[in-house]
Amino acid sequence: MGGDTIAVEIGVLRGKGELILTGQLGDVMKESARAAFSYVRSRSEEFGLDRNFYRRYDLHVHIPEGAIPKDGPSAGVAIATAMVSALTATPVRRDVAMTGEITLRGKVLPVGGLSEKIVAAQRAGVKMVIVPKKNSKDIKELPERAKHGVEIRLVSSQDEVLSIALKKNVWKEKRMDTQHPTYASS
């Protein structure tokens, strides 16, 4: 039948470096958000951010539809992408969906339920789905109708995800010194 897509919203607010998580997230999804934040912090200078941005700004991660419980590691790459998008004021492509667990070093790990996720992306009108390379066997096993009209891009790192999902390059351009709070959605 297929799963459902979720949106990821990130608010960047002046603050003290808190990571605020809302939207009825389970423990595993909260861990994914913390791992995504650590990845972004570890690469901050490469994204053109002040290395201490997290001391002056709070990041609010919100997964809408708060009445619906959400859990699992599959949103890790989407959360990291939304964080980088918000912090660098770089829009995420609207025709792309993504799934994958993220490690602290930005590796993208495989996820379960791929068939349902691809069908949900099709229903949402998505043209491209970013999937962990380690799920390539699962992609081969999907029936053709499940892949119809959707380009599937296999990745092994969050850097690859950002190169595909963001509308422009985010590396090596100084930001967040004088910007106001921003918001992004993925």
N, C-alpha and C. Protein backbone atom coordinates (compact mmCIF):
# COMPACT_ATOMS: atom_id res chain seq x y z
N MET A 1 0.82 -1.20 0.00
CA MET A 1 0.00 0.00 0.00
C MET A 1 0.86 1.26 0.00
N GLY A 2 1.99 1.18 0.65
CA GLY A 2 2.85 2.36 0.69
C GLY A 2 2.81 3.03 2.03
N GLY A 3 3.85 3.73 2.34
CA GLY A 3 3.94 4.48 3.58
C GLY A 3 3.46 5.89 3.37
N ASP A 4 4.09 6.81 4.07
CA ASP A 4 3.72 8.21 3.96
C ASP A 4 5.00 9.03 3.98
N THR A 5 4.96 10.18 3.34
CA THR A 5 6.10 11.09 3.40
C THR A 5 5.93 11.97 4.63
N ILE A 6 7.05 12.46 5.15
CA ILE A 6 6.99 13.42 6.24
C ILE A 6 7.80 14.65 5.84
N ALA A 7 7.40 15.77 6.35
CA ALA A 7 8.13 17.02 6.15
C ALA A 7 9.05 17.22 7.34
N VAL A 8 10.16 17.89 7.11
CA VAL A 8 11.09 18.24 8.18
C VAL A 8 11.23 19.75 8.15
N GLU A 9 10.90 20.40 9.25
CA GLU A 9 11.06 21.86 9.35
C GLU A 9 12.18 22.16 10.34
N ILE A 10 12.98 23.15 9.98
CA ILE A 10 14.07 23.58 10.86
C ILE A 10 13.95 25.08 11.08
N GLY A 11 13.97 25.49 12.33
CA GLY A 11 14.02 26.90 12.66
C GLY A 11 15.38 27.21 13.26
N VAL A 12 16.02 28.26 12.77
CA VAL A 12 17.29 28.71 13.33
C VAL A 12 16.99 29.99 14.09
N LEU A 13 17.19 29.95 15.40
CA LEU A 13 16.80 31.05 16.27
C LEU A 13 17.98 31.49 17.13
N ARG A 14 18.06 32.77 17.40
CA ARG A 14 19.11 33.22 18.32
C ARG A 14 18.88 32.51 19.65
N GLY A 15 19.96 32.04 20.23
CA GLY A 15 19.82 31.30 21.48
C GLY A 15 21.15 30.89 22.05
N LYS A 16 21.18 29.71 22.66
CA LYS A 16 22.37 29.24 23.37
C LYS A 16 22.87 27.88 22.89
N GLY A 17 22.48 27.48 21.69
CA GLY A 17 22.97 26.22 21.15
C GLY A 17 22.12 25.02 21.48
N GLU A 18 20.86 25.24 21.76
CA GLU A 18 19.97 24.11 22.06
C GLU A 18 19.48 23.45 20.78
N LEU A 19 19.28 22.15 20.85
CA LEU A 19 18.63 21.40 19.79
C LEU A 19 17.25 21.05 20.31
N ILE A 20 16.23 21.67 19.74
CA ILE A 20 14.85 21.50 20.19
C ILE A 20 14.17 20.56 19.21
N LEU A 21 13.54 19.50 19.72
CA LEU A 21 12.92 18.48 18.89
C LEU A 21 11.44 18.38 19.22
N THR A 22 10.58 18.62 18.22
CA THR A 22 9.14 18.53 18.44
C THR A 22 8.47 17.78 17.30
N GLY A 23 7.26 17.31 17.57
CA GLY A 23 6.47 16.61 16.56
C GLY A 23 6.21 15.16 16.94
N GLN A 24 6.20 14.87 18.23
CA GLN A 24 5.98 13.52 18.77
C GLN A 24 6.96 12.51 18.17
N LEU A 25 8.24 12.80 18.38
CA LEU A 25 9.31 11.95 17.86
C LEU A 25 9.68 10.87 18.88
N GLY A 26 9.90 9.67 18.37
CA GLY A 26 10.36 8.58 19.23
C GLY A 26 11.85 8.72 19.51
N ASP A 27 12.34 7.87 20.39
CA ASP A 27 13.75 7.96 20.82
C ASP A 27 14.73 7.79 19.66
N VAL A 28 14.47 6.88 18.74
CA VAL A 28 15.39 6.63 17.64
C VAL A 28 15.44 7.83 16.70
N MET A 29 14.28 8.45 16.45
CA MET A 29 14.26 9.63 15.58
C MET A 29 14.97 10.80 16.27
N LYS A 30 14.82 10.93 17.56
CA LYS A 30 15.55 11.97 18.30
C LYS A 30 17.06 11.75 18.18
N GLU A 31 17.48 10.49 18.28
CA GLU A 31 18.90 10.18 18.12
C GLU A 31 19.38 10.55 16.71
N SER A 32 18.55 10.30 15.72
CA SER A 32 18.89 10.66 14.33
C SER A 32 19.08 12.16 14.20
N ALA A 33 18.21 12.93 14.85
CA ALA A 33 18.32 14.40 14.79
C ALA A 33 19.62 14.86 15.47
N ARG A 34 19.97 14.24 16.59
CA ARG A 34 21.21 14.60 17.27
C ARG A 34 22.43 14.22 16.43
N ALA A 35 22.38 13.06 15.78
CA ALA A 35 23.48 12.65 14.90
C ALA A 35 23.60 13.62 13.72
N ALA A 36 22.47 14.03 13.16
CA ALA A 36 22.48 14.99 12.05
C ALA A 36 23.11 16.31 12.50
N PHE A 37 22.74 16.76 13.69
CA PHE A 37 23.30 18.01 14.21
C PHE A 37 24.81 17.90 14.42
N SER A 38 25.26 16.76 14.93
CA SER A 38 26.70 16.56 15.12
C SER A 38 27.42 16.56 13.78
N TYR A 39 26.83 15.93 12.77
CA TYR A 39 27.42 15.95 11.43
C TYR A 39 27.56 17.40 10.94
N VAL A 40 26.50 18.18 11.07
CA VAL A 40 26.53 19.57 10.60
C VAL A 40 27.58 20.36 11.37
N ARG A 41 27.62 20.20 12.68
CA ARG A 41 28.64 20.90 13.49
C ARG A 41 30.03 20.52 13.05
N SER A 42 30.26 19.24 12.78
CA SER A 42 31.61 18.79 12.42
C SER A 42 32.05 19.33 11.06
N ARG A 43 31.11 19.70 10.22
CA ARG A 43 31.41 20.19 8.88
C ARG A 43 31.11 21.68 8.74
N SER A 44 30.83 22.36 9.83
CA SER A 44 30.34 23.74 9.78
C SER A 44 31.24 24.67 8.95
N GLU A 45 32.53 24.60 9.15
CA GLU A 45 33.42 25.50 8.41
C GLU A 45 33.41 25.19 6.91
N GLU A 46 33.26 23.92 6.56
CA GLU A 46 33.18 23.55 5.15
C GLU A 46 31.90 24.09 4.49
N PHE A 47 30.85 24.29 5.31
CA PHE A 47 29.60 24.87 4.80
C PHE A 47 29.63 26.39 4.84
N GLY A 48 30.77 26.95 5.25
CA GLY A 48 30.88 28.40 5.31
C GLY A 48 30.26 28.99 6.56
N LEU A 49 30.01 28.17 7.56
CA LEU A 49 29.42 28.65 8.82
C LEU A 49 30.53 28.97 9.80
N ASP A 50 30.25 29.88 10.70
CA ASP A 50 31.16 30.16 11.81
C ASP A 50 31.27 28.87 12.62
N ARG A 51 32.48 28.48 12.98
CA ARG A 51 32.67 27.21 13.68
C ARG A 51 31.91 27.15 15.01
N ASN A 52 31.57 28.29 15.59
CA ASN A 52 30.83 28.33 16.85
C ASN A 52 29.38 28.76 16.67
N PHE A 53 28.83 28.58 15.49
CA PHE A 53 27.44 28.99 15.22
C PHE A 53 26.49 28.40 16.25
N TYR A 54 26.73 27.18 16.65
CA TYR A 54 25.82 26.47 17.54
C TYR A 54 25.80 27.07 18.95
N ARG A 55 26.74 27.92 19.29
CA ARG A 55 26.73 28.56 20.60
C ARG A 55 25.81 29.78 20.64
N ARG A 56 25.49 30.32 19.47
CA ARG A 56 24.67 31.53 19.39
C ARG A 56 23.27 31.28 18.83
N TYR A 57 23.06 30.08 18.32
CA TYR A 57 21.77 29.78 17.68
C TYR A 57 21.22 28.47 18.22
N ASP A 58 19.90 28.44 18.37
CA ASP A 58 19.20 27.20 18.65
C ASP A 58 18.68 26.66 17.33
N LEU A 59 18.66 25.35 17.20
CA LEU A 59 18.04 24.70 16.05
C LEU A 59 16.79 23.99 16.54
N HIS A 60 15.67 24.36 15.94
CA HIS A 60 14.40 23.72 16.28
C HIS A 60 14.02 22.80 15.14
N VAL A 61 14.02 21.51 15.40
CA VAL A 61 13.61 20.50 14.42
C VAL A 61 12.16 20.14 14.73
N HIS A 62 11.30 20.34 13.73
CA HIS A 62 9.89 20.00 13.91
C HIS A 62 9.43 19.11 12.77
N ILE A 63 8.80 18.02 13.14
CA ILE A 63 8.18 17.13 12.16
C ILE A 63 6.68 17.33 12.32
N PRO A 64 6.03 18.03 11.37
CA PRO A 64 4.60 18.36 11.51
C PRO A 64 3.71 17.13 11.70
N GLU A 65 2.47 17.41 11.98
CA GLU A 65 1.45 16.42 12.32
C GLU A 65 1.82 15.78 13.65
N GLY A 66 1.93 16.64 14.65
CA GLY A 66 2.38 16.25 15.98
C GLY A 66 1.53 15.20 16.66
N ALA A 67 0.29 14.99 16.22
CA ALA A 67 -0.56 13.98 16.84
C ALA A 67 -0.16 12.57 16.41
N ILE A 68 0.64 12.47 15.35
CA ILE A 68 1.05 11.17 14.83
C ILE A 68 2.46 10.84 15.33
N PRO A 69 2.61 9.76 16.11
CA PRO A 69 3.94 9.38 16.57
C PRO A 69 4.84 8.98 15.39
N LYS A 70 6.12 9.36 15.47
CA LYS A 70 7.08 9.05 14.42
C LYS A 70 8.35 8.52 15.08
N ASP A 71 8.92 7.47 14.46
CA ASP A 71 10.16 6.94 15.01
C ASP A 71 10.93 6.22 13.92
N GLY A 72 12.18 5.93 14.22
CA GLY A 72 13.06 5.24 13.29
C GLY A 72 14.17 6.14 12.81
N PRO A 73 15.23 5.54 12.24
CA PRO A 73 16.39 6.30 11.82
C PRO A 73 16.31 6.83 10.39
N SER A 74 15.27 6.50 9.65
CA SER A 74 15.20 6.78 8.21
C SER A 74 15.21 8.26 7.84
N ALA A 75 14.85 9.12 8.76
CA ALA A 75 14.78 10.56 8.44
C ALA A 75 16.10 11.27 8.71
N GLY A 76 17.13 10.57 9.11
CA GLY A 76 18.41 11.20 9.45
C GLY A 76 18.98 12.07 8.35
N VAL A 77 18.99 11.55 7.11
CA VAL A 77 19.55 12.36 6.01
C VAL A 77 18.66 13.55 5.69
N ALA A 78 17.35 13.39 5.83
CA ALA A 78 16.44 14.52 5.58
C ALA A 78 16.62 15.60 6.63
N ILE A 79 16.80 15.20 7.88
CA ILE A 79 17.01 16.18 8.96
C ILE A 79 18.33 16.92 8.74
N ALA A 80 19.40 16.19 8.41
CA ALA A 80 20.69 16.84 8.16
C ALA A 80 20.60 17.79 6.98
N THR A 81 19.91 17.38 5.93
CA THR A 81 19.74 18.24 4.75
C THR A 81 18.98 19.50 5.10
N ALA A 82 17.90 19.36 5.88
CA ALA A 82 17.11 20.53 6.28
C ALA A 82 17.93 21.47 7.16
N MET A 83 18.77 20.91 8.03
CA MET A 83 19.62 21.75 8.88
C MET A 83 20.60 22.56 8.02
N VAL A 84 21.27 21.90 7.10
CA VAL A 84 22.23 22.60 6.24
C VAL A 84 21.49 23.64 5.40
N SER A 85 20.32 23.30 4.91
CA SER A 85 19.51 24.23 4.12
C SER A 85 19.19 25.49 4.93
N ALA A 86 18.72 25.30 6.17
CA ALA A 86 18.34 26.44 7.00
C ALA A 86 19.55 27.30 7.38
N LEU A 87 20.64 26.65 7.75
CA LEU A 87 21.82 27.38 8.21
C LEU A 87 22.54 28.13 7.09
N THR A 88 22.43 27.63 5.86
CA THR A 88 23.12 28.26 4.73
C THR A 88 22.16 29.03 3.83
N ALA A 89 20.88 29.06 4.19
CA ALA A 89 19.85 29.74 3.38
C ALA A 89 19.87 29.22 1.94
N THR A 90 20.00 27.91 1.81
CA THR A 90 20.02 27.24 0.50
C THR A 90 18.78 26.37 0.39
N PRO A 91 17.89 26.64 -0.55
CA PRO A 91 16.66 25.85 -0.66
C PRO A 91 16.91 24.39 -1.05
N VAL A 92 16.03 23.53 -0.58
CA VAL A 92 16.01 22.12 -0.96
C VAL A 92 15.10 21.99 -2.18
N ARG A 93 15.51 21.17 -3.12
CA ARG A 93 14.67 20.92 -4.29
C ARG A 93 13.35 20.31 -3.84
N ARG A 94 12.25 20.78 -4.39
CA ARG A 94 10.92 20.31 -4.00
C ARG A 94 10.54 18.98 -4.64
N ASP A 95 11.27 18.56 -5.68
CA ASP A 95 10.93 17.33 -6.38
C ASP A 95 11.75 16.13 -5.90
N VAL A 96 12.41 16.28 -4.75
CA VAL A 96 13.29 15.23 -4.23
C VAL A 96 12.82 14.79 -2.85
N ALA A 97 12.82 13.48 -2.64
CA ALA A 97 12.59 12.90 -1.31
C ALA A 97 13.84 12.10 -0.97
N MET A 98 14.01 11.78 0.28
CA MET A 98 15.22 11.05 0.68
C MET A 98 14.94 10.19 1.89
N THR A 99 15.73 9.15 2.02
CA THR A 99 15.66 8.28 3.18
C THR A 99 17.05 7.75 3.46
N GLY A 100 17.34 7.55 4.72
CA GLY A 100 18.63 6.99 5.10
C GLY A 100 19.00 7.39 6.51
N GLU A 101 19.66 6.49 7.17
CA GLU A 101 20.20 6.79 8.50
C GLU A 101 21.54 7.48 8.32
N ILE A 102 21.83 8.46 9.14
CA ILE A 102 23.11 9.19 9.05
C ILE A 102 23.97 8.85 10.26
N THR A 103 25.28 8.73 9.99
CA THR A 103 26.23 8.54 11.09
C THR A 103 26.83 9.89 11.44
N LEU A 104 27.58 9.93 12.52
CA LEU A 104 28.22 11.18 12.94
C LEU A 104 29.19 11.70 11.89
N ARG A 105 29.76 10.83 11.10
CA ARG A 105 30.71 11.22 10.06
C ARG A 105 30.07 11.42 8.71
N GLY A 106 28.74 11.31 8.65
CA GLY A 106 28.04 11.58 7.40
C GLY A 106 27.90 10.40 6.47
N LYS A 107 28.12 9.20 6.95
CA LYS A 107 27.85 8.03 6.13
C LYS A 107 26.34 7.79 6.13
N VAL A 108 25.84 7.30 5.00
CA VAL A 108 24.41 7.02 4.88
C VAL A 108 24.22 5.51 4.96
N LEU A 109 23.47 5.07 5.97
CA LEU A 109 23.25 3.65 6.22
C LEU A 109 21.89 3.21 5.68
N PRO A 110 21.74 1.90 5.39
CA PRO A 110 20.50 1.39 4.82
C PRO A 110 19.33 1.48 5.79
N VAL A 111 18.13 1.43 5.20
CA VAL A 111 16.89 1.52 5.97
C VAL A 111 15.95 0.40 5.52
N GLY A 112 14.93 0.19 6.30
CA GLY A 112 13.91 -0.80 5.95
C GLY A 112 12.70 -0.12 5.31
N GLY A 113 11.78 -0.93 4.84
CA GLY A 113 10.52 -0.42 4.30
C GLY A 113 10.67 0.39 3.04
N LEU A 114 11.68 0.08 2.24
CA LEU A 114 11.98 0.90 1.07
C LEU A 114 10.83 0.92 0.06
N SER A 115 10.21 -0.21 -0.16
CA SER A 115 9.10 -0.27 -1.11
C SER A 115 8.00 0.71 -0.73
N GLU A 116 7.64 0.72 0.54
CA GLU A 116 6.59 1.62 1.01
C GLU A 116 7.00 3.08 0.86
N LYS A 117 8.27 3.34 1.09
CA LYS A 117 8.77 4.71 0.99
C LYS A 117 8.77 5.19 -0.47
N ILE A 118 9.13 4.34 -1.39
CA ILE A 118 9.13 4.71 -2.81
C ILE A 118 7.69 4.96 -3.28
N VAL A 119 6.77 4.11 -2.88
CA VAL A 119 5.35 4.29 -3.26
C VAL A 119 4.81 5.59 -2.68
N ALA A 120 5.16 5.91 -1.43
CA ALA A 120 4.72 7.17 -0.82
C ALA A 120 5.27 8.36 -1.59
N ALA A 121 6.52 8.27 -2.01
CA ALA A 121 7.13 9.35 -2.80
C ALA A 121 6.40 9.52 -4.13
N GLN A 122 6.07 8.41 -4.78
CA GLN A 122 5.31 8.47 -6.04
C GLN A 122 3.99 9.20 -5.82
N ARG A 123 3.26 8.79 -4.77
CA ARG A 123 1.96 9.42 -4.47
C ARG A 123 2.10 10.91 -4.21
N ALA A 124 3.23 11.31 -3.64
CA ALA A 124 3.45 12.73 -3.32
C ALA A 124 3.91 13.52 -4.54
N GLY A 125 4.11 12.84 -5.68
CA GLY A 125 4.53 13.54 -6.89
C GLY A 125 6.02 13.81 -6.97
N VAL A 126 6.79 13.11 -6.17
CA VAL A 126 8.24 13.28 -6.16
C VAL A 126 8.83 12.67 -7.43
N LYS A 127 9.82 13.34 -8.00
CA LYS A 127 10.46 12.86 -9.23
C LYS A 127 11.73 12.06 -8.96
N MET A 128 12.36 12.30 -7.79
CA MET A 128 13.62 11.62 -7.47
C MET A 128 13.62 11.24 -5.99
N VAL A 129 14.12 10.04 -5.71
CA VAL A 129 14.26 9.59 -4.33
C VAL A 129 15.72 9.23 -4.10
N ILE A 130 16.30 9.81 -3.06
CA ILE A 130 17.67 9.53 -2.67
C ILE A 130 17.63 8.39 -1.66
N VAL A 131 18.38 7.34 -1.95
CA VAL A 131 18.34 6.09 -1.18
C VAL A 131 19.77 5.65 -0.85
N PRO A 132 19.96 5.05 0.32
CA PRO A 132 21.29 4.54 0.65
C PRO A 132 21.78 3.51 -0.37
N LYS A 133 23.04 3.63 -0.75
CA LYS A 133 23.64 2.69 -1.71
C LYS A 133 23.54 1.25 -1.20
N LYS A 134 23.61 1.07 0.10
CA LYS A 134 23.53 -0.27 0.67
C LYS A 134 22.13 -0.88 0.55
N ASN A 135 21.17 -0.10 0.07
CA ASN A 135 19.83 -0.62 -0.22
C ASN A 135 19.68 -1.00 -1.70
N SER A 136 20.76 -1.02 -2.47
CA SER A 136 20.65 -1.28 -3.91
C SER A 136 20.02 -2.63 -4.20
N LYS A 137 20.30 -3.64 -3.38
CA LYS A 137 19.68 -4.96 -3.56
C LYS A 137 18.15 -4.85 -3.43
N ASP A 138 17.69 -4.04 -2.47
CA ASP A 138 16.25 -3.86 -2.28
C ASP A 138 15.62 -3.18 -3.49
N ILE A 139 16.33 -2.24 -4.09
CA ILE A 139 15.82 -1.53 -5.26
C ILE A 139 15.64 -2.51 -6.42
N LYS A 140 16.63 -3.38 -6.61
CA LYS A 140 16.57 -4.37 -7.70
C LYS A 140 15.38 -5.30 -7.53
N GLU A 141 15.00 -5.57 -6.29
CA GLU A 141 13.89 -6.48 -6.02
C GLU A 141 12.52 -5.83 -6.13
N LEU A 142 12.46 -4.51 -6.24
CA LEU A 142 11.17 -3.82 -6.34
C LEU A 142 10.55 -4.10 -7.71
N PRO A 143 9.23 -4.29 -7.75
CA PRO A 143 8.58 -4.43 -9.05
C PRO A 143 8.68 -3.13 -9.84
N GLU A 144 8.72 -3.22 -11.15
CA GLU A 144 8.88 -2.04 -12.00
C GLU A 144 7.81 -0.98 -11.72
N ARG A 145 6.57 -1.40 -11.45
CA ARG A 145 5.50 -0.42 -11.20
C ARG A 145 5.79 0.42 -9.95
N ALA A 146 6.54 -0.16 -9.00
CA ALA A 146 6.88 0.57 -7.77
C ALA A 146 7.92 1.66 -8.05
N LYS A 147 8.67 1.50 -9.14
CA LYS A 147 9.72 2.48 -9.47
C LYS A 147 9.30 3.42 -10.60
N HIS A 148 8.15 3.16 -11.20
CA HIS A 148 7.71 3.91 -12.38
C HIS A 148 7.62 5.42 -12.11
N GLY A 149 8.29 6.19 -12.95
CA GLY A 149 8.21 7.65 -12.86
C GLY A 149 9.07 8.28 -11.79
N VAL A 150 9.88 7.47 -11.11
CA VAL A 150 10.73 7.98 -10.03
C VAL A 150 12.18 7.61 -10.33
N GLU A 151 13.04 8.61 -10.35
CA GLU A 151 14.47 8.35 -10.49
C GLU A 151 15.01 8.05 -9.10
N ILE A 152 15.73 6.94 -8.98
CA ILE A 152 16.30 6.56 -7.69
C ILE A 152 17.80 6.79 -7.75
N ARG A 153 18.28 7.60 -6.82
CA ARG A 153 19.71 7.94 -6.75
C ARG A 153 20.29 7.27 -5.52
N LEU A 154 21.31 6.47 -5.72
CA LEU A 154 21.98 5.76 -4.62
C LEU A 154 23.15 6.58 -4.11
N VAL A 155 23.25 6.72 -2.79
CA VAL A 155 24.31 7.52 -2.17
C VAL A 155 24.92 6.75 -1.00
N SER A 156 26.16 7.11 -0.69
CA SER A 156 26.80 6.51 0.47
C SER A 156 27.21 7.56 1.50
N SER A 157 27.07 8.86 1.15
CA SER A 157 27.45 9.90 2.11
C SER A 157 26.44 11.06 2.09
N GLN A 158 26.41 11.77 3.21
CA GLN A 158 25.54 12.94 3.31
C GLN A 158 26.00 14.03 2.35
N ASP A 159 27.28 14.11 2.07
CA ASP A 159 27.77 15.09 1.10
C ASP A 159 27.11 14.86 -0.26
N GLU A 160 26.97 13.59 -0.66
CA GLU A 160 26.29 13.28 -1.91
C GLU A 160 24.83 13.71 -1.86
N VAL A 161 24.18 13.47 -0.72
CA VAL A 161 22.78 13.87 -0.55
C VAL A 161 22.65 15.38 -0.76
N LEU A 162 23.52 16.15 -0.13
CA LEU A 162 23.47 17.61 -0.24
C LEU A 162 23.71 18.06 -1.68
N SER A 163 24.62 17.41 -2.38
CA SER A 163 24.91 17.78 -3.77
C SER A 163 23.70 17.57 -4.67
N ILE A 164 22.90 16.56 -4.36
CA ILE A 164 21.72 16.26 -5.17
C ILE A 164 20.52 17.10 -4.73
N ALA A 165 20.29 17.18 -3.42
CA ALA A 165 19.04 17.73 -2.90
C ALA A 165 18.98 19.25 -2.82
N LEU A 166 20.12 19.90 -2.64
CA LEU A 166 20.11 21.35 -2.49
C LEU A 166 20.21 22.04 -3.85
N LYS A 167 19.60 23.20 -3.94
CA LYS A 167 19.56 23.92 -5.22
C LYS A 167 20.88 24.54 -5.63
N LYS A 168 21.81 24.67 -4.69
CA LYS A 168 23.13 25.19 -5.04
C LYS A 168 24.18 24.63 -4.09
N ASN A 169 25.43 24.80 -4.45
CA ASN A 169 26.56 24.33 -3.66
C ASN A 169 26.57 25.05 -2.31
N VAL A 170 26.84 24.32 -1.23
CA VAL A 170 26.84 24.93 0.10
C VAL A 170 28.22 25.01 0.73
N TRP A 171 29.24 24.61 0.02
CA TRP A 171 30.56 24.57 0.62
C TRP A 171 31.34 25.86 0.44
N LYS A 172 32.06 26.26 1.49
CA LYS A 172 33.06 27.34 1.48
C LYS A 172 32.55 28.73 1.16
N GLU A 173 31.47 29.12 1.76
CA GLU A 173 30.97 30.49 1.59
C GLU A 173 30.53 30.97 2.97
N LYS A 174 31.16 31.99 3.53
CA LYS A 174 30.90 32.43 4.91
C LYS A 174 29.46 32.88 5.10
N ARG A 175 28.82 32.38 6.16
CA ARG A 175 27.44 32.73 6.48
C ARG A 175 27.26 32.81 8.00
N MET A 176 26.08 33.14 8.43
CA MET A 176 25.63 33.14 9.82
C MET A 176 26.34 34.15 10.71
N ASP A 177 27.07 35.10 10.16
CA ASP A 177 27.68 36.10 11.01
C ASP A 177 26.69 37.21 11.33
N THR A 178 25.88 37.57 10.34
CA THR A 178 24.96 38.69 10.53
C THR A 178 23.53 38.35 10.14
N GLN A 179 23.27 37.10 9.78
CA GLN A 179 21.93 36.72 9.34
C GLN A 179 20.94 36.73 10.49
N HIS A 180 19.69 36.93 10.14
CA HIS A 180 18.60 36.79 11.10
C HIS A 180 18.22 35.31 11.17
N PRO A 181 17.36 34.98 12.11
CA PRO A 181 16.88 33.60 12.15
C PRO A 181 16.22 33.23 10.81
N THR A 182 16.39 31.97 10.41
CA THR A 182 15.81 31.50 9.15
C THR A 182 15.04 30.22 9.40
N TYR A 183 14.25 29.83 8.43
CA TYR A 183 13.46 28.62 8.52
C TYR A 183 13.58 27.86 7.21
N ALA A 184 13.59 26.55 7.31
CA ALA A 184 13.66 25.73 6.10
C ALA A 184 12.79 24.50 6.31
N SER A 185 12.40 23.94 5.22
CA SER A 185 11.57 22.75 5.21
C SER A 185 12.13 21.80 4.18
N SER A 186 12.13 20.54 4.50
CA SER A 186 12.60 19.54 3.53
C SER A 186 11.55 18.48 3.38
